[in-house]
Amino acid sequence: MKLLLNPIIALNLSFLAVAASPSVSKAQGPAATISADKPAPADEDRGYLVKVGDQAPDDFQLVLQDGKKTSLKELRGKTVVLQFTASWCSVCRKEMPHLEEMWKKYQDKNIVLIGVDRDEPLEKVKQFYKDMKITYPLALDPGADIFGRFAHKKSGVTRNVVIDPTGKIVYLTRLYDEKEFADMVKVIDGLAQKS
């Protein structure tokens, strides 16, 4: 019995060590960008329906808070960052100044950042835009239909989807984690240098 127990304990301990590893717990973040053709580990999708390496869904239009319209199809050839957000989300509000800082650095380098406000009316989105003092646009997402193309509708925000100029998803974030955010910026910087 002692001989059987030890390998089982060792196996369980090694499984726990792997499960606690940052590269697995951040499955869609830093580790997943290493090889886009490998599927993300199945233990944690963080609510996403898409993964790194997928072509981003582009069958929708983005209506911005100022009335302008665009789409991922129209933005092909540029790196696009979709930040899924909402005015009631405190973590979104914490992250947005960092996104604004990033936006100021990369907006002239073939990078587009669009906040996609989850299921809030235009007046609330306009007020949110004003309150946050951001310069990147916010898009409306009635019924969270755009959000639902990327993540389970019951999943939360904030999350960022980085899409390369070919329309491929190259990075996914969830919540605001300084290291993950910094790694996302490195990915964006790499794409900016190629353009």
C-alpha atoms as a PDB file:
ATOM      1  CA  MET A   1       0.000   0.000   0.000  1.00  0.00           C
ATOM      2  CA  LYS A   2       2.828   2.368   0.828  1.00  0.00           C
ATOM      3  CA  LEU A   3       4.363   1.845  -2.629  1.00  0.00           C
ATOM      4  CA  LEU A   4       1.063   2.665  -4.353  1.00  0.00           C
ATOM      5  CA  LEU A   5       0.344   5.692  -2.205  1.00  0.00           C
ATOM      6  CA  ASN A   6       3.630   7.486  -2.814  1.00  0.00           C
ATOM      7  CA  PRO A   7       3.340   7.616  -6.641  1.00  0.00           C
ATOM      8  CA  ILE A   8      -0.268   8.756  -6.307  1.00  0.00           C
ATOM      9  CA  ILE A   9       0.722  11.528  -3.900  1.00  0.00           C
ATOM     10  CA  ALA A  10       3.597  12.507  -6.188  1.00  0.00           C
ATOM     11  CA  LEU A  11       1.257  12.563  -9.179  1.00  0.00           C
ATOM     12  CA  ASN A  12      -1.290  14.680  -7.300  1.00  0.00           C
ATOM     13  CA  LEU A  13       1.407  17.087  -6.109  1.00  0.00           C
ATOM     14  CA  SER A  14       2.819  17.481  -9.629  1.00  0.00           C
ATOM     15  CA  PHE A  15      -0.720  18.093 -10.945  1.00  0.00           C
ATOM     16  CA  LEU A  16      -1.270  20.769  -8.293  1.00  0.00           C
ATOM     17  CA  ALA A  17       2.044  22.429  -9.158  1.00  0.00           C
ATOM     18  CA  VAL A  18       1.112  22.553 -12.849  1.00  0.00           C
ATOM     19  CA  ALA A  19      -2.396  23.827 -12.079  1.00  0.00           C
ATOM     20  CA  ALA A  20      -0.968  26.619  -9.921  1.00  0.00           C
ATOM     21  CA  SER A  21       1.575  27.620 -12.552  1.00  0.00           C
ATOM     22  CA  PRO A  22       1.052  31.169 -13.915  1.00  0.00           C
ATOM     23  CA  SER A  23       1.467  29.918 -17.480  1.00  0.00           C
ATOM     24  CA  VAL A  24      -1.563  27.694 -17.047  1.00  0.00           C
ATOM     25  CA  SER A  25      -3.671  30.017 -14.938  1.00  0.00           C
ATOM     26  CA  LYS A  26      -3.130  32.750 -17.524  1.00  0.00           C
ATOM     27  CA  ALA A  27      -3.974  30.323 -20.313  1.00  0.00           C
ATOM     28  CA  GLN A  28      -5.132  32.952 -22.759  1.00  0.00           C
ATOM     29  CA  GLY A  29      -2.482  35.479 -21.769  1.00  0.00           C
ATOM     30  CA  PRO A  30       1.307  35.255 -21.828  1.00  0.00           C
ATOM     31  CA  ALA A  31       1.688  31.498 -22.242  1.00  0.00           C
ATOM     32  CA  ALA A  32      -0.824  31.298 -25.060  1.00  0.00           C
ATOM     33  CA  THR A  33       1.039  33.878 -27.150  1.00  0.00           C
ATOM     34  CA  ILE A  34       4.130  31.678 -27.270  1.00  0.00           C
ATOM     35  CA  SER A  35       2.529  29.410 -29.841  1.00  0.00           C
ATOM     36  CA  ALA A  36      -0.704  30.529 -31.451  1.00  0.00           C
ATOM     37  CA  ASP A  37      -1.235  27.208 -33.229  1.00  0.00           C
ATOM     38  CA  LYS A  38      -1.485  25.258 -29.961  1.00  0.00           C
ATOM     39  CA  PRO A  39      -4.902  25.262 -28.294  1.00  0.00           C
ATOM     40  CA  ALA A  40      -5.102  26.944 -24.904  1.00  0.00           C
ATOM     41  CA  PRO A  41      -5.152  24.578 -21.935  1.00  0.00           C
ATOM     42  CA  ALA A  42      -8.683  23.358 -21.301  1.00  0.00           C
ATOM     43  CA  ASP A  43      -8.587  23.848 -17.538  1.00  0.00           C
ATOM     44  CA  GLU A  44      -9.369  27.553 -17.677  1.00  0.00           C
ATOM     45  CA  ASP A  45     -10.921  29.448 -20.579  1.00  0.00           C
ATOM     46  CA  ARG A  46     -11.742  32.457 -18.392  1.00  0.00           C
ATOM     47  CA  GLY A  47     -15.151  32.686 -20.012  1.00  0.00           C
ATOM     48  CA  TYR A  48     -13.869  33.067 -23.569  1.00  0.00           C
ATOM     49  CA  LEU A  49     -15.487  31.390 -26.563  1.00  0.00           C
ATOM     50  CA  VAL A  50     -12.444  32.257 -28.682  1.00  0.00           C
ATOM     51  CA  LYS A  51      -8.777  31.502 -28.196  1.00  0.00           C
ATOM     52  CA  VAL A  52      -5.418  32.812 -29.327  1.00  0.00           C
ATOM     53  CA  GLY A  53      -4.892  31.774 -32.944  1.00  0.00           C
ATOM     54  CA  ASP A  54      -8.581  31.983 -33.917  1.00  0.00           C
ATOM     55  CA  GLN A  55      -9.793  34.374 -36.580  1.00  0.00           C
ATOM     56  CA  ALA A  56     -11.755  37.046 -34.738  1.00  0.00           C
ATOM     57  CA  PRO A  57     -15.498  37.093 -35.398  1.00  0.00           C
ATOM     58  CA  ASP A  58     -16.112  40.053 -37.722  1.00  0.00           C
ATOM     59  CA  ASP A  59     -19.809  39.749 -38.570  1.00  0.00           C
ATOM     60  CA  PHE A  60     -20.847  42.859 -36.645  1.00  0.00           C
ATOM     61  CA  GLN A  61     -20.711  46.625 -36.839  1.00  0.00           C
ATOM     62  CA  LEU A  62     -19.293  48.880 -34.146  1.00  0.00           C
ATOM     63  CA  VAL A  63     -21.400  52.007 -33.537  1.00  0.00           C
ATOM     64  CA  LEU A  64     -19.283  54.502 -31.607  1.00  0.00           C
ATOM     65  CA  GLN A  65     -20.444  56.961 -28.963  1.00  0.00           C
ATOM     66  CA  ASP A  66     -20.093  59.831 -31.470  1.00  0.00           C
ATOM     67  CA  GLY A  67     -22.321  58.098 -34.036  1.00  0.00           C
ATOM     68  CA  LYS A  68     -19.508  56.940 -36.344  1.00  0.00           C
ATOM     69  CA  LYS A  69     -19.529  53.323 -37.476  1.00  0.00           C
ATOM     70  CA  THR A  70     -16.769  50.843 -38.225  1.00  0.00           C
ATOM     71  CA  SER A  71     -16.167  47.102 -38.283  1.00  0.00           C
ATOM     72  CA  LEU A  72     -13.322  44.652 -37.921  1.00  0.00           C
ATOM     73  CA  LYS A  73     -13.560  44.047 -41.681  1.00  0.00           C
ATOM     74  CA  GLU A  74     -13.017  47.781 -42.311  1.00  0.00           C
ATOM     75  CA  LEU A  75     -10.107  47.793 -39.854  1.00  0.00           C
ATOM     76  CA  ARG A  76      -8.323  44.820 -41.479  1.00  0.00           C
ATOM     77  CA  GLY A  77      -4.672  45.737 -41.991  1.00  0.00           C
ATOM     78  CA  LYS A  78      -4.496  47.374 -38.547  1.00  0.00           C
ATOM     79  CA  THR A  79      -3.925  45.900 -35.113  1.00  0.00           C
ATOM     80  CA  VAL A  80      -7.207  46.210 -33.205  1.00  0.00           C
ATOM     81  CA  VAL A  81      -7.660  46.057 -29.439  1.00  0.00           C
ATOM     82  CA  LEU A  82     -11.242  45.554 -28.282  1.00  0.00           C
ATOM     83  CA  GLN A  83     -11.655  46.375 -24.605  1.00  0.00           C
ATOM     84  CA  PHE A  84     -14.922  44.969 -23.270  1.00  0.00           C
ATOM     85  CA  THR A  85     -16.036  47.328 -20.517  1.00  0.00           C
ATOM     86  CA  ALA A  86     -19.008  48.868 -18.673  1.00  0.00           C
ATOM     87  CA  SER A  87     -19.549  51.951 -16.540  1.00  0.00           C
ATOM     88  CA  TRP A  88     -20.519  49.852 -13.490  1.00  0.00           C
ATOM     89  CA  CYS A  89     -17.273  47.830 -13.629  1.00  0.00           C
ATOM     90  CA  SER A  90     -14.732  49.064 -11.062  1.00  0.00           C
ATOM     91  CA  VAL A  91     -11.934  46.920 -12.523  1.00  0.00           C
ATOM     92  CA  CYS A  92     -12.641  48.428 -15.964  1.00  0.00           C
ATOM     93  CA  ARG A  93     -12.319  51.897 -14.480  1.00  0.00           C
ATOM     94  CA  LYS A  94      -8.999  50.891 -12.895  1.00  0.00           C
ATOM     95  CA  GLU A  95      -7.672  49.563 -16.221  1.00  0.00           C
ATOM     96  CA  MET A  96      -8.890  52.343 -18.522  1.00  0.00           C
ATOM     97  CA  PRO A  97      -6.265  54.986 -17.588  1.00  0.00           C
ATOM     98  CA  HIS A  98      -3.577  52.425 -18.463  1.00  0.00           C
ATOM     99  CA  LEU A  99      -5.291  51.734 -21.796  1.00  0.00           C
ATOM    100  CA  GLU A 100      -5.478  55.482 -22.439  1.00  0.00           C
ATOM    101  CA  GLU A 101      -1.741  55.793 -21.788  1.00  0.00           C
ATOM    102  CA  MET A 102      -1.076  52.892 -24.166  1.00  0.00           C
ATOM    103  CA  TRP A 103      -3.418  54.410 -26.767  1.00  0.00           C
ATOM    104  CA  LYS A 104      -1.558  57.730 -26.717  1.00  0.00           C
ATOM    105  CA  LYS A 105       1.691  55.875 -27.400  1.00  0.00           C
ATOM    106  CA  TYR A 106       0.418  53.671 -30.246  1.00  0.00           C
ATOM    107  CA  GLN A 107      -2.499  55.474 -31.924  1.00  0.00           C
ATOM    108  CA  ASP A 108      -0.263  56.720 -34.751  1.00  0.00           C
ATOM    109  CA  LYS A 109       1.321  53.295 -35.282  1.00  0.00           C
ATOM    110  CA  ASN A 110      -1.440  51.387 -37.079  1.00  0.00           C
ATOM    111  CA  ILE A 111      -3.102  50.432 -33.756  1.00  0.00           C
ATOM    112  CA  VAL A 112      -6.820  50.928 -33.087  1.00  0.00           C
ATOM    113  CA  LEU A 113      -8.281  50.712 -29.565  1.00  0.00           C
ATOM    114  CA  ILE A 114     -12.053  50.570 -29.147  1.00  0.00           C
ATOM    115  CA  GLY A 115     -13.856  50.114 -25.860  1.00  0.00           C
ATOM    116  CA  VAL A 116     -17.006  48.028 -26.295  1.00  0.00           C
ATOM    117  CA  ASP A 117     -19.483  49.057 -23.615  1.00  0.00           C
ATOM    118  CA  ARG A 118     -21.557  46.111 -22.492  1.00  0.00           C
ATOM    119  CA  ASP A 119     -25.296  46.637 -22.872  1.00  0.00           C
ATOM    120  CA  GLU A 120     -25.670  50.258 -21.741  1.00  0.00           C
ATOM    121  CA  PRO A 121     -27.671  53.034 -23.441  1.00  0.00           C
ATOM    122  CA  LEU A 122     -25.988  55.775 -25.477  1.00  0.00           C
ATOM    123  CA  GLU A 123     -26.379  58.523 -22.847  1.00  0.00           C
ATOM    124  CA  LYS A 124     -24.754  56.358 -20.174  1.00  0.00           C
ATOM    125  CA  VAL A 125     -21.915  55.443 -22.560  1.00  0.00           C
ATOM    126  CA  LYS A 126     -21.337  59.124 -23.397  1.00  0.00           C
ATOM    127  CA  GLN A 127     -21.221  59.989 -19.682  1.00  0.00           C
ATOM    128  CA  PHE A 128     -18.839  57.081 -18.999  1.00  0.00           C
ATOM    129  CA  TYR A 129     -16.568  58.325 -21.822  1.00  0.00           C
ATOM    130  CA  LYS A 130     -16.595  61.825 -20.344  1.00  0.00           C
ATOM    131  CA  ASP A 131     -16.076  60.643 -16.741  1.00  0.00           C
ATOM    132  CA  MET A 132     -13.096  58.466 -17.699  1.00  0.00           C
ATOM    133  CA  LYS A 133     -11.444  61.270 -19.701  1.00  0.00           C
ATOM    134  CA  ILE A 134     -10.418  58.857 -22.431  1.00  0.00           C
ATOM    135  CA  THR A 135      -9.686  59.725 -26.049  1.00  0.00           C
ATOM    136  CA  TYR A 136     -10.158  56.252 -27.541  1.00  0.00           C
ATOM    137  CA  PRO A 137     -13.735  55.596 -28.684  1.00  0.00           C
ATOM    138  CA  LEU A 138     -16.414  53.547 -26.966  1.00  0.00           C
ATOM    139  CA  ALA A 139     -18.792  51.408 -29.004  1.00  0.00           C
ATOM    140  CA  LEU A 140     -22.315  50.439 -28.033  1.00  0.00           C
ATOM    141  CA  ASP A 141     -23.123  46.776 -27.474  1.00  0.00           C
ATOM    142  CA  PRO A 142     -26.893  46.402 -26.987  1.00  0.00           C
ATOM    143  CA  GLY A 143     -27.769  43.048 -25.483  1.00  0.00           C
ATOM    144  CA  ALA A 144     -24.022  42.277 -25.208  1.00  0.00           C
ATOM    145  CA  ASP A 145     -24.281  40.727 -28.678  1.00  0.00           C
ATOM    146  CA  ILE A 146     -20.720  41.669 -29.667  1.00  0.00           C
ATOM    147  CA  PHE A 147     -19.421  40.490 -26.304  1.00  0.00           C
ATOM    148  CA  GLY A 148     -21.272  37.203 -26.869  1.00  0.00           C
ATOM    149  CA  ARG A 149     -19.234  36.513 -30.007  1.00  0.00           C
ATOM    150  CA  PHE A 150     -16.046  36.461 -27.919  1.00  0.00           C
ATOM    151  CA  ALA A 151     -17.111  35.277 -24.458  1.00  0.00           C
ATOM    152  CA  HIS A 152     -19.987  33.603 -22.670  1.00  0.00           C
ATOM    153  CA  LYS A 153     -22.592  36.278 -21.988  1.00  0.00           C
ATOM    154  CA  LYS A 154     -22.626  35.408 -18.284  1.00  0.00           C
ATOM    155  CA  SER A 155     -18.884  36.127 -18.107  1.00  0.00           C
ATOM    156  CA  GLY A 156     -17.658  39.451 -16.810  1.00  0.00           C
ATOM    157  CA  VAL A 157     -15.681  42.403 -18.028  1.00  0.00           C
ATOM    158  CA  THR A 158     -12.999  43.857 -18.211  1.00  0.00           C
ATOM    159  CA  ARG A 159     -11.245  41.902 -20.922  1.00  0.00           C
ATOM    160  CA  ASN A 160      -9.109  42.825 -23.932  1.00  0.00           C
ATOM    161  CA  VAL A 161      -8.931  41.062 -27.276  1.00  0.00           C
ATOM    162  CA  VAL A 162      -5.883  41.906 -29.400  1.00  0.00           C
ATOM    163  CA  ILE A 163      -6.390  41.207 -33.106  1.00  0.00           C
ATOM    164  CA  ASP A 164      -3.505  41.348 -35.572  1.00  0.00           C
ATOM    165  CA  PRO A 165      -3.734  42.978 -39.040  1.00  0.00           C
ATOM    166  CA  THR A 166      -4.800  39.662 -40.618  1.00  0.00           C
ATOM    167  CA  GLY A 167      -7.774  39.377 -38.230  1.00  0.00           C
ATOM    168  CA  LYS A 168      -6.204  36.715 -36.016  1.00  0.00           C
ATOM    169  CA  ILE A 169      -6.558  36.885 -32.221  1.00  0.00           C
ATOM    170  CA  VAL A 170      -3.070  37.155 -30.736  1.00  0.00           C
ATOM    171  CA  TYR A 171      -3.749  37.996 -27.079  1.00  0.00           C
ATOM    172  CA  LEU A 172      -6.590  37.809 -24.561  1.00  0.00           C
ATOM    173  CA  THR A 173      -6.786  39.318 -21.091  1.00  0.00           C
ATOM    174  CA  ARG A 174      -9.245  39.009 -18.235  1.00  0.00           C
ATOM    175  CA  LEU A 175      -9.589  41.465 -15.356  1.00  0.00           C
ATOM    176  CA  TYR A 176      -6.697  43.848 -14.770  1.00  0.00           C
ATOM    177  CA  ASP A 177      -3.433  42.182 -13.878  1.00  0.00           C
ATOM    178  CA  GLU A 178      -0.324  44.403 -14.158  1.00  0.00           C
ATOM    179  CA  LYS A 179       1.920  41.652 -15.504  1.00  0.00           C
ATOM    180  CA  GLU A 180      -0.639  40.415 -18.008  1.00  0.00           C
ATOM    181  CA  PHE A 181      -1.300  43.995 -19.116  1.00  0.00           C
ATOM    182  CA  ALA A 182       2.453  44.624 -19.548  1.00  0.00           C
ATOM    183  CA  ASP A 183       2.738  41.422 -21.588  1.00  0.00           C
ATOM    184  CA  MET A 184      -0.184  42.566 -23.755  1.00  0.00           C
ATOM    185  CA  VAL A 185       1.577  45.881 -24.379  1.00  0.00           C
ATOM    186  CA  LYS A 186       4.711  43.969 -25.465  1.00  0.00           C
ATOM    187  CA  VAL A 187       2.619  42.042 -27.994  1.00  0.00           C
ATOM    188  CA  ILE A 188       1.088  45.293 -29.273  1.00  0.00           C
ATOM    189  CA  ASP A 189       4.525  46.911 -29.426  1.00  0.00           C
ATOM    190  CA  GLY A 190       5.805  43.998 -31.519  1.00  0.00           C
ATOM    191  CA  LEU A 191       2.910  44.396 -33.931  1.00  0.00           C
ATOM    192  CA  ALA A 192       3.429  48.186 -34.084  1.00  0.00           C
ATOM    193  CA  GLN A 193       7.078  47.705 -35.017  1.00  0.00           C
ATOM    194  CA  LYS A 194       6.085  45.422 -37.921  1.00  0.00           C
ATOM    195  CA  SER A 195       3.720  47.986 -39.438  1.00  0.00           C
END
